[in-house]
N, C-alpha and C. Protein backbone atom coordinates (compact mmCIF):
# COMPACT_ATOMS: atom_id res chain seq x y z
N MET A 1 10.52 -68.58 43.25
CA MET A 1 10.65 -68.01 44.59
C MET A 1 9.31 -68.14 45.31
N ASN A 2 9.34 -68.61 46.53
CA ASN A 2 8.12 -68.77 47.30
C ASN A 2 7.65 -67.41 47.82
N LEU A 3 6.35 -67.15 47.68
CA LEU A 3 5.79 -65.91 48.19
C LEU A 3 5.55 -66.02 49.69
N PRO A 4 5.64 -64.89 50.42
CA PRO A 4 5.37 -64.93 51.86
C PRO A 4 3.95 -65.43 52.13
N ILE A 5 3.79 -66.20 53.18
CA ILE A 5 2.47 -66.70 53.56
C ILE A 5 1.68 -65.57 54.23
N VAL A 6 0.47 -65.35 53.75
CA VAL A 6 -0.40 -64.33 54.33
C VAL A 6 -1.22 -64.98 55.44
N THR A 7 -1.12 -64.41 56.64
CA THR A 7 -1.88 -64.96 57.77
C THR A 7 -2.99 -64.02 58.24
N ARG A 8 -2.94 -62.76 57.83
CA ARG A 8 -3.97 -61.79 58.21
C ARG A 8 -4.36 -61.02 56.96
N LEU A 9 -5.55 -61.34 56.42
CA LEU A 9 -5.97 -60.81 55.13
C LEU A 9 -7.25 -60.00 55.28
N GLY A 10 -7.19 -58.74 54.91
CA GLY A 10 -8.37 -57.89 54.91
C GLY A 10 -9.12 -57.98 53.60
N VAL A 11 -10.44 -57.82 53.66
CA VAL A 11 -11.30 -57.88 52.48
C VAL A 11 -12.23 -56.68 52.53
N PHE A 12 -12.16 -55.83 51.51
CA PHE A 12 -12.96 -54.60 51.51
C PHE A 12 -13.59 -54.43 50.14
N GLY A 13 -14.89 -54.62 50.07
CA GLY A 13 -15.62 -54.48 48.82
C GLY A 13 -16.50 -53.25 48.82
N GLY A 14 -16.85 -52.82 47.63
CA GLY A 14 -17.75 -51.68 47.50
C GLY A 14 -17.89 -51.29 46.05
N ALA A 15 -18.84 -50.41 45.77
CA ALA A 15 -19.02 -49.94 44.40
C ALA A 15 -17.85 -49.05 43.97
N PHE A 16 -17.29 -48.27 44.93
CA PHE A 16 -16.21 -47.33 44.64
C PHE A 16 -16.60 -46.48 43.43
N ASP A 17 -17.73 -45.80 43.57
CA ASP A 17 -18.33 -45.07 42.47
C ASP A 17 -18.66 -43.64 42.88
N PRO A 18 -17.63 -42.81 43.21
CA PRO A 18 -16.19 -43.07 43.12
C PRO A 18 -15.62 -43.46 44.49
N PRO A 19 -14.36 -43.95 44.51
CA PRO A 19 -13.67 -44.15 45.79
C PRO A 19 -13.33 -42.79 46.40
N HIS A 20 -13.52 -42.66 47.71
CA HIS A 20 -13.26 -41.37 48.35
C HIS A 20 -12.34 -41.54 49.55
N LEU A 21 -12.05 -40.44 50.22
CA LEU A 21 -11.03 -40.45 51.27
C LEU A 21 -11.42 -41.28 52.48
N ALA A 22 -12.72 -41.41 52.75
CA ALA A 22 -13.14 -42.27 53.86
C ALA A 22 -12.87 -43.73 53.54
N HIS A 23 -13.05 -44.13 52.27
CA HIS A 23 -12.68 -45.49 51.86
C HIS A 23 -11.20 -45.75 52.15
N VAL A 24 -10.37 -44.78 51.79
CA VAL A 24 -8.92 -44.93 51.97
C VAL A 24 -8.58 -44.97 53.45
N ALA A 25 -9.17 -44.08 54.24
CA ALA A 25 -8.88 -44.02 55.67
C ALA A 25 -9.28 -45.31 56.38
N LEU A 26 -10.37 -45.92 55.95
CA LEU A 26 -10.81 -47.17 56.56
C LEU A 26 -9.76 -48.26 56.37
N VAL A 27 -9.23 -48.39 55.16
CA VAL A 27 -8.23 -49.42 54.90
C VAL A 27 -6.94 -49.10 55.64
N GLU A 28 -6.55 -47.84 55.68
CA GLU A 28 -5.35 -47.46 56.43
C GLU A 28 -5.49 -47.81 57.90
N ALA A 29 -6.66 -47.54 58.47
CA ALA A 29 -6.90 -47.87 59.88
C ALA A 29 -6.86 -49.37 60.11
N ALA A 30 -7.44 -50.13 59.19
CA ALA A 30 -7.46 -51.58 59.34
C ALA A 30 -6.05 -52.17 59.28
N ILE A 31 -5.24 -51.68 58.35
CA ILE A 31 -3.87 -52.18 58.24
C ILE A 31 -3.11 -51.93 59.53
N ALA A 32 -3.27 -50.74 60.08
CA ALA A 32 -2.53 -50.37 61.30
C ALA A 32 -3.04 -51.12 62.52
N GLN A 33 -4.36 -51.20 62.69
CA GLN A 33 -4.92 -51.75 63.93
C GLN A 33 -5.00 -53.27 63.93
N LEU A 34 -5.12 -53.87 62.76
CA LEU A 34 -5.25 -55.32 62.69
C LEU A 34 -3.98 -56.01 62.20
N GLN A 35 -2.93 -55.20 61.95
CA GLN A 35 -1.66 -55.74 61.44
C GLN A 35 -1.88 -56.61 60.21
N LEU A 36 -2.65 -56.09 59.27
CA LEU A 36 -2.96 -56.84 58.06
C LEU A 36 -1.75 -56.86 57.13
N GLU A 37 -1.44 -58.04 56.64
CA GLU A 37 -0.33 -58.19 55.70
C GLU A 37 -0.77 -57.87 54.27
N GLN A 38 -2.05 -58.07 54.00
CA GLN A 38 -2.59 -57.77 52.69
C GLN A 38 -4.06 -57.41 52.83
N VAL A 39 -4.51 -56.50 51.98
CA VAL A 39 -5.93 -56.16 51.90
C VAL A 39 -6.36 -56.29 50.45
N ARG A 40 -7.38 -57.10 50.23
CA ARG A 40 -7.99 -57.22 48.91
C ARG A 40 -9.13 -56.20 48.82
N VAL A 41 -8.98 -55.23 47.95
CA VAL A 41 -10.02 -54.23 47.70
C VAL A 41 -10.75 -54.64 46.43
N LEU A 42 -12.06 -54.86 46.54
CA LEU A 42 -12.83 -55.47 45.45
C LEU A 42 -13.96 -54.57 44.97
N PRO A 43 -13.78 -53.90 43.84
CA PRO A 43 -14.91 -53.17 43.26
C PRO A 43 -16.03 -54.15 42.89
N THR A 44 -17.25 -53.73 43.17
CA THR A 44 -18.42 -54.57 42.95
C THR A 44 -18.69 -54.80 41.47
N GLY A 45 -19.13 -56.01 41.16
CA GLY A 45 -19.60 -56.30 39.82
C GLY A 45 -21.08 -56.02 39.75
N GLN A 46 -21.89 -57.03 39.52
CA GLN A 46 -23.35 -56.88 39.50
C GLN A 46 -23.85 -57.11 40.92
N ALA A 47 -23.89 -56.05 41.69
CA ALA A 47 -24.29 -56.15 43.09
C ALA A 47 -25.78 -56.43 43.19
N TRP A 48 -26.14 -57.44 43.97
CA TRP A 48 -27.55 -57.83 44.08
C TRP A 48 -28.40 -56.77 44.74
N HIS A 49 -27.78 -55.92 45.60
CA HIS A 49 -28.56 -54.97 46.39
C HIS A 49 -28.57 -53.56 45.80
N LYS A 50 -27.87 -53.34 44.67
CA LYS A 50 -27.82 -52.00 44.08
C LYS A 50 -28.96 -51.83 43.08
N THR A 51 -29.79 -50.79 43.32
CA THR A 51 -30.89 -50.53 42.42
C THR A 51 -30.49 -49.57 41.30
N ARG A 52 -29.48 -48.76 41.53
CA ARG A 52 -29.06 -47.81 40.50
C ARG A 52 -28.01 -48.45 39.60
N HIS A 53 -27.86 -47.88 38.42
CA HIS A 53 -26.86 -48.35 37.46
C HIS A 53 -25.49 -47.82 37.87
N LEU A 54 -24.53 -48.70 38.03
CA LEU A 54 -23.19 -48.28 38.41
C LEU A 54 -22.43 -47.75 37.20
N SER A 55 -21.43 -46.91 37.48
CA SER A 55 -20.56 -46.44 36.41
C SER A 55 -19.80 -47.63 35.82
N ASP A 56 -19.29 -47.44 34.62
CA ASP A 56 -18.56 -48.50 33.94
C ASP A 56 -17.49 -49.09 34.84
N ALA A 57 -17.39 -50.41 34.85
CA ALA A 57 -16.45 -51.09 35.74
C ALA A 57 -15.01 -50.67 35.48
N ALA A 58 -14.67 -50.39 34.24
CA ALA A 58 -13.29 -49.99 33.92
C ALA A 58 -12.94 -48.68 34.62
N HIS A 59 -13.87 -47.75 34.68
CA HIS A 59 -13.62 -46.48 35.37
C HIS A 59 -13.48 -46.69 36.88
N ARG A 60 -14.39 -47.48 37.45
CA ARG A 60 -14.33 -47.70 38.89
C ARG A 60 -13.06 -48.45 39.28
N LEU A 61 -12.64 -49.37 38.45
CA LEU A 61 -11.41 -50.12 38.71
C LEU A 61 -10.20 -49.19 38.64
N ALA A 62 -10.15 -48.35 37.62
CA ALA A 62 -9.03 -47.42 37.48
C ALA A 62 -8.96 -46.45 38.65
N MET A 63 -10.09 -45.90 39.06
CA MET A 63 -10.10 -44.96 40.18
C MET A 63 -9.70 -45.64 41.48
N THR A 64 -10.14 -46.88 41.67
CA THR A 64 -9.79 -47.61 42.89
C THR A 64 -8.29 -47.85 42.95
N ARG A 65 -7.69 -48.21 41.85
CA ARG A 65 -6.23 -48.40 41.83
C ARG A 65 -5.51 -47.10 42.18
N MET A 66 -6.00 -45.99 41.67
CA MET A 66 -5.39 -44.70 41.98
C MET A 66 -5.52 -44.36 43.47
N ALA A 67 -6.69 -44.65 44.02
CA ALA A 67 -6.95 -44.29 45.42
C ALA A 67 -6.03 -45.03 46.38
N TYR A 68 -5.63 -46.26 46.03
CA TYR A 68 -4.85 -47.09 46.96
C TYR A 68 -3.41 -47.31 46.50
N GLN A 69 -2.96 -46.56 45.51
CA GLN A 69 -1.64 -46.82 44.95
C GLN A 69 -0.50 -46.57 45.96
N HIS A 70 -0.78 -45.81 47.02
CA HIS A 70 0.26 -45.50 48.01
C HIS A 70 0.38 -46.58 49.09
N LEU A 71 -0.47 -47.58 49.07
CA LEU A 71 -0.46 -48.62 50.10
C LEU A 71 0.04 -49.93 49.51
N PRO A 72 1.26 -50.34 49.84
CA PRO A 72 1.80 -51.58 49.25
C PRO A 72 1.06 -52.83 49.69
N GLN A 73 0.32 -52.77 50.79
CA GLN A 73 -0.42 -53.94 51.27
C GLN A 73 -1.69 -54.19 50.46
N VAL A 74 -2.12 -53.22 49.67
CA VAL A 74 -3.40 -53.33 48.97
C VAL A 74 -3.23 -53.98 47.61
N VAL A 75 -4.10 -54.97 47.35
CA VAL A 75 -4.24 -55.56 46.03
C VAL A 75 -5.66 -55.27 45.55
N VAL A 76 -5.78 -54.52 44.46
CA VAL A 76 -7.11 -54.28 43.89
C VAL A 76 -7.49 -55.51 43.08
N ASP A 77 -8.52 -56.18 43.54
CA ASP A 77 -8.91 -57.50 43.04
C ASP A 77 -10.12 -57.36 42.11
N GLU A 78 -10.00 -57.89 40.89
CA GLU A 78 -11.04 -57.72 39.87
C GLU A 78 -12.09 -58.81 39.86
N ARG A 79 -12.02 -59.78 40.75
CA ARG A 79 -12.85 -60.98 40.60
C ARG A 79 -14.35 -60.69 40.61
N GLU A 80 -14.79 -59.74 41.41
CA GLU A 80 -16.24 -59.49 41.47
C GLU A 80 -16.73 -58.80 40.20
N ILE A 81 -15.88 -57.97 39.60
CA ILE A 81 -16.24 -57.35 38.34
C ILE A 81 -16.35 -58.39 37.24
N ARG A 82 -15.46 -59.39 37.28
CA ARG A 82 -15.42 -60.41 36.23
C ARG A 82 -16.45 -61.52 36.46
N ARG A 83 -17.03 -61.59 37.64
CA ARG A 83 -17.98 -62.67 37.96
C ARG A 83 -19.30 -62.45 37.23
N ALA A 84 -19.79 -63.47 36.58
CA ALA A 84 -21.07 -63.38 35.87
C ALA A 84 -22.23 -63.49 36.86
N GLY A 85 -23.27 -62.74 36.61
CA GLY A 85 -24.45 -62.81 37.47
C GLY A 85 -24.27 -62.02 38.75
N PRO A 86 -25.25 -62.11 39.67
CA PRO A 86 -25.17 -61.40 40.94
C PRO A 86 -23.93 -61.80 41.73
N SER A 87 -23.30 -60.81 42.36
CA SER A 87 -22.06 -61.05 43.11
C SER A 87 -22.34 -60.95 44.61
N TYR A 88 -21.97 -62.00 45.33
CA TYR A 88 -22.21 -62.04 46.78
C TYR A 88 -20.87 -62.09 47.53
N THR A 89 -20.82 -61.38 48.64
CA THR A 89 -19.62 -61.35 49.46
C THR A 89 -19.23 -62.74 49.93
N VAL A 90 -20.21 -63.56 50.27
CA VAL A 90 -19.90 -64.89 50.78
C VAL A 90 -19.15 -65.71 49.75
N ASP A 91 -19.45 -65.54 48.47
CA ASP A 91 -18.73 -66.27 47.42
C ASP A 91 -17.27 -65.83 47.36
N THR A 92 -17.05 -64.53 47.47
CA THR A 92 -15.69 -64.01 47.46
C THR A 92 -14.90 -64.53 48.65
N LEU A 93 -15.52 -64.56 49.82
CA LEU A 93 -14.83 -65.05 51.02
C LEU A 93 -14.48 -66.53 50.88
N HIS A 94 -15.37 -67.31 50.32
CA HIS A 94 -15.07 -68.73 50.11
C HIS A 94 -13.87 -68.89 49.17
N GLU A 95 -13.82 -68.09 48.12
CA GLU A 95 -12.71 -68.18 47.17
C GLU A 95 -11.40 -67.78 47.84
N LEU A 96 -11.41 -66.70 48.60
CA LEU A 96 -10.19 -66.25 49.26
C LEU A 96 -9.75 -67.23 50.35
N GLN A 97 -10.71 -67.84 51.01
CA GLN A 97 -10.39 -68.85 52.03
C GLN A 97 -9.65 -70.03 51.39
N ALA A 98 -10.07 -70.41 50.18
CA ALA A 98 -9.41 -71.51 49.48
C ALA A 98 -8.01 -71.10 48.99
N GLU A 99 -7.88 -69.84 48.58
CA GLU A 99 -6.59 -69.36 48.07
C GLU A 99 -5.58 -69.08 49.17
N PHE A 100 -6.07 -68.70 50.35
CA PHE A 100 -5.21 -68.37 51.48
C PHE A 100 -5.64 -69.21 52.70
N PRO A 101 -5.41 -70.51 52.66
CA PRO A 101 -5.92 -71.40 53.71
C PRO A 101 -5.34 -71.12 55.09
N GLN A 102 -4.20 -70.47 55.16
CA GLN A 102 -3.58 -70.19 56.46
C GLN A 102 -3.93 -68.80 56.98
N ALA A 103 -4.76 -68.07 56.26
CA ALA A 103 -5.06 -66.69 56.64
C ALA A 103 -6.37 -66.57 57.41
N GLN A 104 -6.35 -65.71 58.42
CA GLN A 104 -7.58 -65.25 59.05
C GLN A 104 -8.12 -64.12 58.18
N LEU A 105 -9.38 -64.22 57.78
CA LEU A 105 -9.99 -63.18 56.97
C LEU A 105 -10.67 -62.14 57.84
N TYR A 106 -10.48 -60.88 57.48
CA TYR A 106 -11.12 -59.76 58.18
C TYR A 106 -11.96 -59.00 57.16
N LEU A 107 -13.27 -59.02 57.32
CA LEU A 107 -14.16 -58.31 56.42
C LEU A 107 -14.33 -56.88 56.91
N LEU A 108 -13.89 -55.92 56.13
CA LEU A 108 -13.90 -54.50 56.52
C LEU A 108 -15.16 -53.83 56.00
N LEU A 109 -15.81 -53.07 56.89
CA LEU A 109 -17.09 -52.44 56.54
C LEU A 109 -17.11 -50.98 56.95
N GLY A 110 -17.81 -50.18 56.17
CA GLY A 110 -18.16 -48.83 56.58
C GLY A 110 -19.49 -48.83 57.31
N ASP A 111 -19.90 -47.66 57.80
CA ASP A 111 -21.12 -47.62 58.62
C ASP A 111 -22.36 -47.99 57.82
N ASP A 112 -22.41 -47.60 56.54
CA ASP A 112 -23.60 -47.92 55.75
C ASP A 112 -23.71 -49.43 55.54
N GLN A 113 -22.57 -50.08 55.31
CA GLN A 113 -22.59 -51.54 55.13
C GLN A 113 -22.95 -52.24 56.43
N ARG A 114 -22.44 -51.74 57.53
CA ARG A 114 -22.72 -52.36 58.83
C ARG A 114 -24.21 -52.35 59.14
N ARG A 115 -24.86 -51.26 58.84
CA ARG A 115 -26.28 -51.16 59.15
C ARG A 115 -27.13 -52.11 58.31
N SER A 116 -26.62 -52.49 57.14
CA SER A 116 -27.39 -53.37 56.27
C SER A 116 -27.04 -54.85 56.46
N LEU A 117 -26.13 -55.16 57.36
CA LEU A 117 -25.66 -56.54 57.52
C LEU A 117 -26.78 -57.58 57.66
N PRO A 118 -27.81 -57.34 58.45
CA PRO A 118 -28.83 -58.39 58.61
C PRO A 118 -29.47 -58.85 57.31
N SER A 119 -29.42 -58.01 56.28
CA SER A 119 -30.05 -58.39 55.00
C SER A 119 -29.06 -59.04 54.04
N TRP A 120 -27.80 -59.20 54.44
CA TRP A 120 -26.80 -59.76 53.54
C TRP A 120 -27.05 -61.24 53.28
N HIS A 121 -26.74 -61.66 52.07
CA HIS A 121 -26.89 -63.06 51.66
C HIS A 121 -25.96 -63.94 52.49
N GLN A 122 -26.53 -64.92 53.18
CA GLN A 122 -25.79 -65.89 54.00
C GLN A 122 -24.90 -65.18 55.05
N ILE A 123 -25.50 -64.26 55.79
CA ILE A 123 -24.73 -63.47 56.74
C ILE A 123 -24.10 -64.34 57.84
N GLU A 124 -24.79 -65.39 58.26
CA GLU A 124 -24.21 -66.25 59.30
C GLU A 124 -22.96 -66.96 58.78
N GLU A 125 -22.99 -67.38 57.53
CA GLU A 125 -21.82 -68.01 56.92
C GLU A 125 -20.67 -67.01 56.79
N ILE A 126 -21.00 -65.77 56.46
CA ILE A 126 -19.98 -64.73 56.40
C ILE A 126 -19.30 -64.58 57.77
N GLY A 127 -20.13 -64.57 58.82
CA GLY A 127 -19.58 -64.44 60.16
C GLY A 127 -18.75 -65.64 60.58
N ARG A 128 -19.03 -66.79 60.02
CA ARG A 128 -18.23 -67.98 60.33
C ARG A 128 -16.86 -67.91 59.67
N ILE A 129 -16.84 -67.38 58.44
CA ILE A 129 -15.60 -67.36 57.67
C ILE A 129 -14.67 -66.24 58.11
N ALA A 130 -15.24 -65.06 58.37
CA ALA A 130 -14.43 -63.87 58.59
C ALA A 130 -14.80 -63.16 59.88
N ILE A 131 -13.82 -62.46 60.44
CA ILE A 131 -14.08 -61.53 61.53
C ILE A 131 -14.53 -60.22 60.89
N ILE A 132 -15.69 -59.73 61.30
CA ILE A 132 -16.23 -58.51 60.72
C ILE A 132 -15.71 -57.32 61.50
N CYS A 133 -15.12 -56.36 60.79
CA CYS A 133 -14.52 -55.18 61.41
C CYS A 133 -15.20 -53.95 60.84
N ALA A 134 -15.95 -53.25 61.67
CA ALA A 134 -16.76 -52.12 61.23
C ALA A 134 -16.13 -50.82 61.69
N ALA A 135 -16.03 -49.87 60.77
CA ALA A 135 -15.42 -48.58 61.07
C ALA A 135 -16.48 -47.49 61.05
N GLY A 136 -16.45 -46.61 62.03
CA GLY A 136 -17.44 -45.54 62.12
C GLY A 136 -17.03 -44.31 61.35
N ARG A 137 -17.99 -43.75 60.62
CA ARG A 137 -17.78 -42.46 59.97
C ARG A 137 -18.80 -41.46 60.47
N ASP A 138 -19.98 -41.94 60.81
CA ASP A 138 -21.08 -41.08 61.20
C ASP A 138 -21.27 -41.20 62.71
N MET A 139 -21.25 -40.07 63.42
CA MET A 139 -21.38 -40.10 64.88
C MET A 139 -22.63 -40.84 65.33
N ALA A 140 -23.70 -40.76 64.55
CA ALA A 140 -24.97 -41.37 64.94
C ALA A 140 -24.91 -42.88 64.98
N VAL A 141 -23.95 -43.47 64.26
CA VAL A 141 -23.87 -44.93 64.21
C VAL A 141 -22.49 -45.42 64.62
N ARG A 142 -21.77 -44.63 65.39
CA ARG A 142 -20.40 -44.99 65.74
C ARG A 142 -20.35 -46.20 66.66
N ALA A 143 -21.18 -46.21 67.69
CA ALA A 143 -21.10 -47.28 68.69
C ALA A 143 -22.13 -48.36 68.36
N TRP A 144 -21.81 -49.19 67.38
CA TRP A 144 -22.78 -50.18 66.90
C TRP A 144 -23.09 -51.25 67.93
N ASN A 145 -22.12 -51.59 68.77
CA ASN A 145 -22.31 -52.68 69.71
C ASN A 145 -22.85 -52.19 71.05
N GLU A 146 -23.26 -50.93 71.10
CA GLU A 146 -23.82 -50.38 72.31
C GLU A 146 -25.27 -50.00 72.05
N GLU A 147 -26.05 -49.91 73.13
CA GLU A 147 -27.43 -49.47 72.99
C GLU A 147 -27.44 -48.00 72.58
N SER A 148 -28.19 -47.66 71.57
CA SER A 148 -28.28 -46.27 71.13
C SER A 148 -29.64 -46.03 70.52
N GLY A 149 -29.90 -44.77 70.24
CA GLY A 149 -31.18 -44.42 69.65
C GLY A 149 -31.35 -44.96 68.25
N THR A 150 -30.23 -45.29 67.58
CA THR A 150 -30.34 -45.79 66.21
C THR A 150 -30.44 -47.31 66.16
N SER A 151 -30.26 -47.99 67.29
CA SER A 151 -30.19 -49.46 67.26
C SER A 151 -31.51 -50.09 66.85
N GLN A 152 -32.64 -49.40 67.13
CA GLN A 152 -33.92 -49.97 66.78
C GLN A 152 -34.11 -50.07 65.27
N ALA A 153 -33.36 -49.27 64.53
CA ALA A 153 -33.49 -49.29 63.08
C ALA A 153 -32.73 -50.44 62.44
N VAL A 154 -31.93 -51.13 63.25
CA VAL A 154 -31.11 -52.22 62.75
C VAL A 154 -31.69 -53.55 63.22
N ALA A 155 -31.98 -54.43 62.28
CA ALA A 155 -32.49 -55.74 62.64
C ALA A 155 -31.45 -56.47 63.48
N PRO A 156 -31.86 -57.20 64.49
CA PRO A 156 -30.89 -57.83 65.39
C PRO A 156 -30.08 -58.91 64.70
N LEU A 157 -28.81 -58.97 65.03
CA LEU A 157 -27.94 -60.06 64.62
C LEU A 157 -27.86 -61.06 65.76
N SER A 158 -27.50 -62.28 65.46
CA SER A 158 -27.38 -63.29 66.50
C SER A 158 -26.23 -62.95 67.44
N ASP A 159 -26.24 -63.51 68.64
CA ASP A 159 -25.16 -63.28 69.60
C ASP A 159 -23.82 -63.72 69.03
N THR A 160 -23.84 -64.81 68.28
CA THR A 160 -22.61 -65.30 67.66
C THR A 160 -22.06 -64.27 66.68
N MET A 161 -22.95 -63.69 65.87
CA MET A 161 -22.52 -62.68 64.91
C MET A 161 -21.99 -61.44 65.62
N GLN A 162 -22.70 -61.00 66.64
CA GLN A 162 -22.26 -59.81 67.38
C GLN A 162 -20.87 -60.02 67.97
N ALA A 163 -20.61 -61.23 68.44
CA ALA A 163 -19.32 -61.52 69.04
C ALA A 163 -18.19 -61.49 68.02
N ARG A 164 -18.52 -61.64 66.75
CA ARG A 164 -17.50 -61.64 65.70
C ARG A 164 -17.20 -60.23 65.19
N ILE A 165 -17.96 -59.25 65.62
CA ILE A 165 -17.77 -57.89 65.10
C ILE A 165 -16.77 -57.13 65.96
N GLN A 166 -15.77 -56.55 65.31
CA GLN A 166 -14.82 -55.68 65.98
C GLN A 166 -15.01 -54.26 65.45
N THR A 167 -14.62 -53.28 66.25
CA THR A 167 -14.74 -51.88 65.84
C THR A 167 -13.37 -51.33 65.47
N LEU A 168 -13.29 -50.70 64.33
CA LEU A 168 -12.07 -50.02 63.91
C LEU A 168 -12.17 -48.55 64.32
N GLU A 169 -11.14 -48.06 64.97
CA GLU A 169 -11.11 -46.65 65.34
C GLU A 169 -10.55 -45.85 64.17
N MET A 170 -11.30 -44.84 63.76
CA MET A 170 -10.82 -43.96 62.71
C MET A 170 -11.53 -42.63 62.84
N PRO A 171 -10.95 -41.57 62.27
CA PRO A 171 -11.62 -40.27 62.34
C PRO A 171 -13.01 -40.35 61.73
N LEU A 172 -13.94 -39.62 62.32
CA LEU A 172 -15.29 -39.59 61.75
C LEU A 172 -15.25 -38.78 60.46
N MET A 173 -15.59 -39.42 59.38
CA MET A 173 -15.53 -38.79 58.06
C MET A 173 -16.85 -39.02 57.35
N PRO A 174 -17.76 -38.06 57.39
CA PRO A 174 -19.08 -38.27 56.80
C PRO A 174 -19.08 -38.15 55.28
N HIS A 175 -18.09 -38.81 54.65
CA HIS A 175 -18.03 -38.81 53.19
C HIS A 175 -19.04 -39.82 52.65
N SER A 176 -19.57 -39.53 51.52
CA SER A 176 -20.52 -40.44 50.87
C SER A 176 -20.33 -40.33 49.37
N ALA A 177 -20.24 -41.48 48.70
CA ALA A 177 -20.14 -41.46 47.24
C ALA A 177 -21.39 -40.84 46.63
N THR A 178 -22.53 -41.06 47.26
CA THR A 178 -23.77 -40.46 46.77
C THR A 178 -23.68 -38.94 46.79
N ASP A 179 -23.20 -38.39 47.91
CA ASP A 179 -23.05 -36.93 48.02
C ASP A 179 -22.06 -36.40 46.99
N ILE A 180 -20.97 -37.14 46.78
CA ILE A 180 -19.96 -36.69 45.81
C ILE A 180 -20.55 -36.68 44.40
N ARG A 181 -21.29 -37.72 44.05
CA ARG A 181 -21.92 -37.73 42.73
C ARG A 181 -22.90 -36.58 42.57
N GLU A 182 -23.63 -36.27 43.64
CA GLU A 182 -24.59 -35.16 43.57
C GLU A 182 -23.88 -33.83 43.40
N LEU A 183 -22.76 -33.64 44.09
CA LEU A 183 -21.98 -32.42 43.92
C LEU A 183 -21.50 -32.27 42.47
N LEU A 184 -21.00 -33.37 41.93
CA LEU A 184 -20.50 -33.33 40.55
C LEU A 184 -21.63 -33.07 39.56
N ALA A 185 -22.80 -33.65 39.83
CA ALA A 185 -23.94 -33.43 38.95
C ALA A 185 -24.35 -31.96 38.95
N LYS A 186 -24.07 -31.27 40.06
CA LYS A 186 -24.37 -29.84 40.16
C LYS A 186 -23.16 -28.98 39.78
N GLU A 187 -22.10 -29.67 39.30
CA GLU A 187 -20.86 -29.01 38.88
C GLU A 187 -20.22 -28.23 40.01
N GLN A 188 -20.27 -28.83 41.22
CA GLN A 188 -19.64 -28.24 42.39
C GLN A 188 -18.34 -28.96 42.69
N ALA A 189 -17.48 -28.31 43.50
CA ALA A 189 -16.14 -28.82 43.78
C ALA A 189 -16.20 -30.03 44.71
N ILE A 190 -15.26 -30.96 44.50
CA ILE A 190 -15.15 -32.14 45.37
C ILE A 190 -13.74 -32.26 45.97
N SER A 191 -12.95 -31.20 45.89
CA SER A 191 -11.61 -31.22 46.44
C SER A 191 -11.68 -31.51 47.94
N GLY A 192 -10.80 -32.39 48.41
CA GLY A 192 -10.79 -32.78 49.81
C GLY A 192 -11.73 -33.91 50.14
N LEU A 193 -12.48 -34.40 49.16
CA LEU A 193 -13.38 -35.52 49.37
C LEU A 193 -12.87 -36.81 48.74
N VAL A 194 -12.11 -36.68 47.66
CA VAL A 194 -11.53 -37.83 46.98
C VAL A 194 -10.03 -37.60 46.82
N PRO A 195 -9.24 -38.66 46.63
CA PRO A 195 -7.81 -38.47 46.37
C PRO A 195 -7.61 -37.61 45.12
N PRO A 196 -6.56 -36.78 45.11
CA PRO A 196 -6.34 -35.89 43.96
C PRO A 196 -6.31 -36.61 42.61
N ALA A 197 -5.68 -37.78 42.56
CA ALA A 197 -5.61 -38.52 41.29
C ALA A 197 -6.99 -38.94 40.83
N VAL A 198 -7.86 -39.30 41.78
CA VAL A 198 -9.23 -39.69 41.44
C VAL A 198 -10.00 -38.47 40.94
N GLU A 199 -9.81 -37.34 41.57
CA GLU A 199 -10.48 -36.11 41.12
C GLU A 199 -10.07 -35.78 39.69
N ARG A 200 -8.78 -35.87 39.39
CA ARG A 200 -8.32 -35.59 38.03
C ARG A 200 -8.94 -36.57 37.03
N TYR A 201 -9.00 -37.83 37.42
CA TYR A 201 -9.57 -38.85 36.53
C TYR A 201 -11.04 -38.55 36.24
N ILE A 202 -11.78 -38.19 37.26
CA ILE A 202 -13.21 -37.88 37.09
C ILE A 202 -13.39 -36.75 36.09
N HIS A 203 -12.59 -35.69 36.23
CA HIS A 203 -12.73 -34.55 35.34
C HIS A 203 -12.25 -34.88 33.92
N GLU A 204 -11.16 -35.64 33.82
CA GLU A 204 -10.63 -35.99 32.50
C GLU A 204 -11.60 -36.86 31.71
N HIS A 205 -12.34 -37.70 32.43
CA HIS A 205 -13.26 -38.62 31.76
C HIS A 205 -14.72 -38.15 31.83
N HIS A 206 -14.92 -36.95 32.36
CA HIS A 206 -16.25 -36.32 32.37
C HIS A 206 -17.29 -37.21 33.06
N LEU A 207 -16.89 -37.77 34.20
CA LEU A 207 -17.80 -38.66 34.93
C LEU A 207 -18.74 -37.87 35.82
N TYR A 208 -19.93 -38.43 36.03
CA TYR A 208 -20.94 -37.91 36.96
C TYR A 208 -21.44 -36.52 36.59
N ARG A 209 -21.33 -36.16 35.34
CA ARG A 209 -21.82 -34.85 34.91
C ARG A 209 -23.34 -34.89 34.79
N PRO A 210 -23.97 -33.69 34.86
CA PRO A 210 -25.43 -33.67 34.73
C PRO A 210 -25.86 -34.16 33.36
N LEU A 211 -26.99 -34.84 33.34
CA LEU A 211 -27.52 -35.37 32.08
C LEU A 211 -28.07 -34.24 31.20
C-alpha cells in the first residue's frame, strides 16, 4: 500500500531533558497554523553545543514519546540519538529532504533556540533548506523580527535568513527544562510543567534527583 505523500513536514529537535508542556504546545501550534501533515520530533544525540551531560538517551526518548503520544501527526525520530559523533541540524535536514523530496520542511524553534541561531553550524544552508518557524514563550523575546531592547544581544542574521523566519503564535509559557531539573533536584513539585505521563516516568525512574 502506498503511503500518503507528505508535503508539509515539521522538524523539532531538542534535548527533551525532560520534555515539558511548552515543547508540546509549540508542536500543537505548528500543526494547527502551518497545516503540517507530519512533525518529526528528534531528541538530541551528542549535541555539539551542549556543555552539560545529558540524561540517558533511552530515558529522553521514552519521555518524548509519552509527551507526544496524543498527536497522530508526530513521529518521534531516533536518528540523532543513533548518529555517531557530533549531531548537527543541517545533517538531519539534508537526510529528511532526501527522504521527503516533495515536502517543504519547517524547522520549529523555541525562543532559546531562536536566540542562538547565528551560532548554528551552517545556518545559511539551514535557511535554504527549511522555513524557520520560531515560537515565543518569553515576553522579552516574543517579537524577534521587530526592533526591541533585546535585539542587540542577538548577532544579526542576513536579510535572506530573516525573510525565511516565520512566527508561531502560542501562549507565552516560560517553561524551561533547566528550571524543571532544578526543582526536581530540590525535591519540589513539577505538576503542571510536564505532561502527567512524563512526571510519573521521572518519579518512577528517580531522574534528576539531588546527588
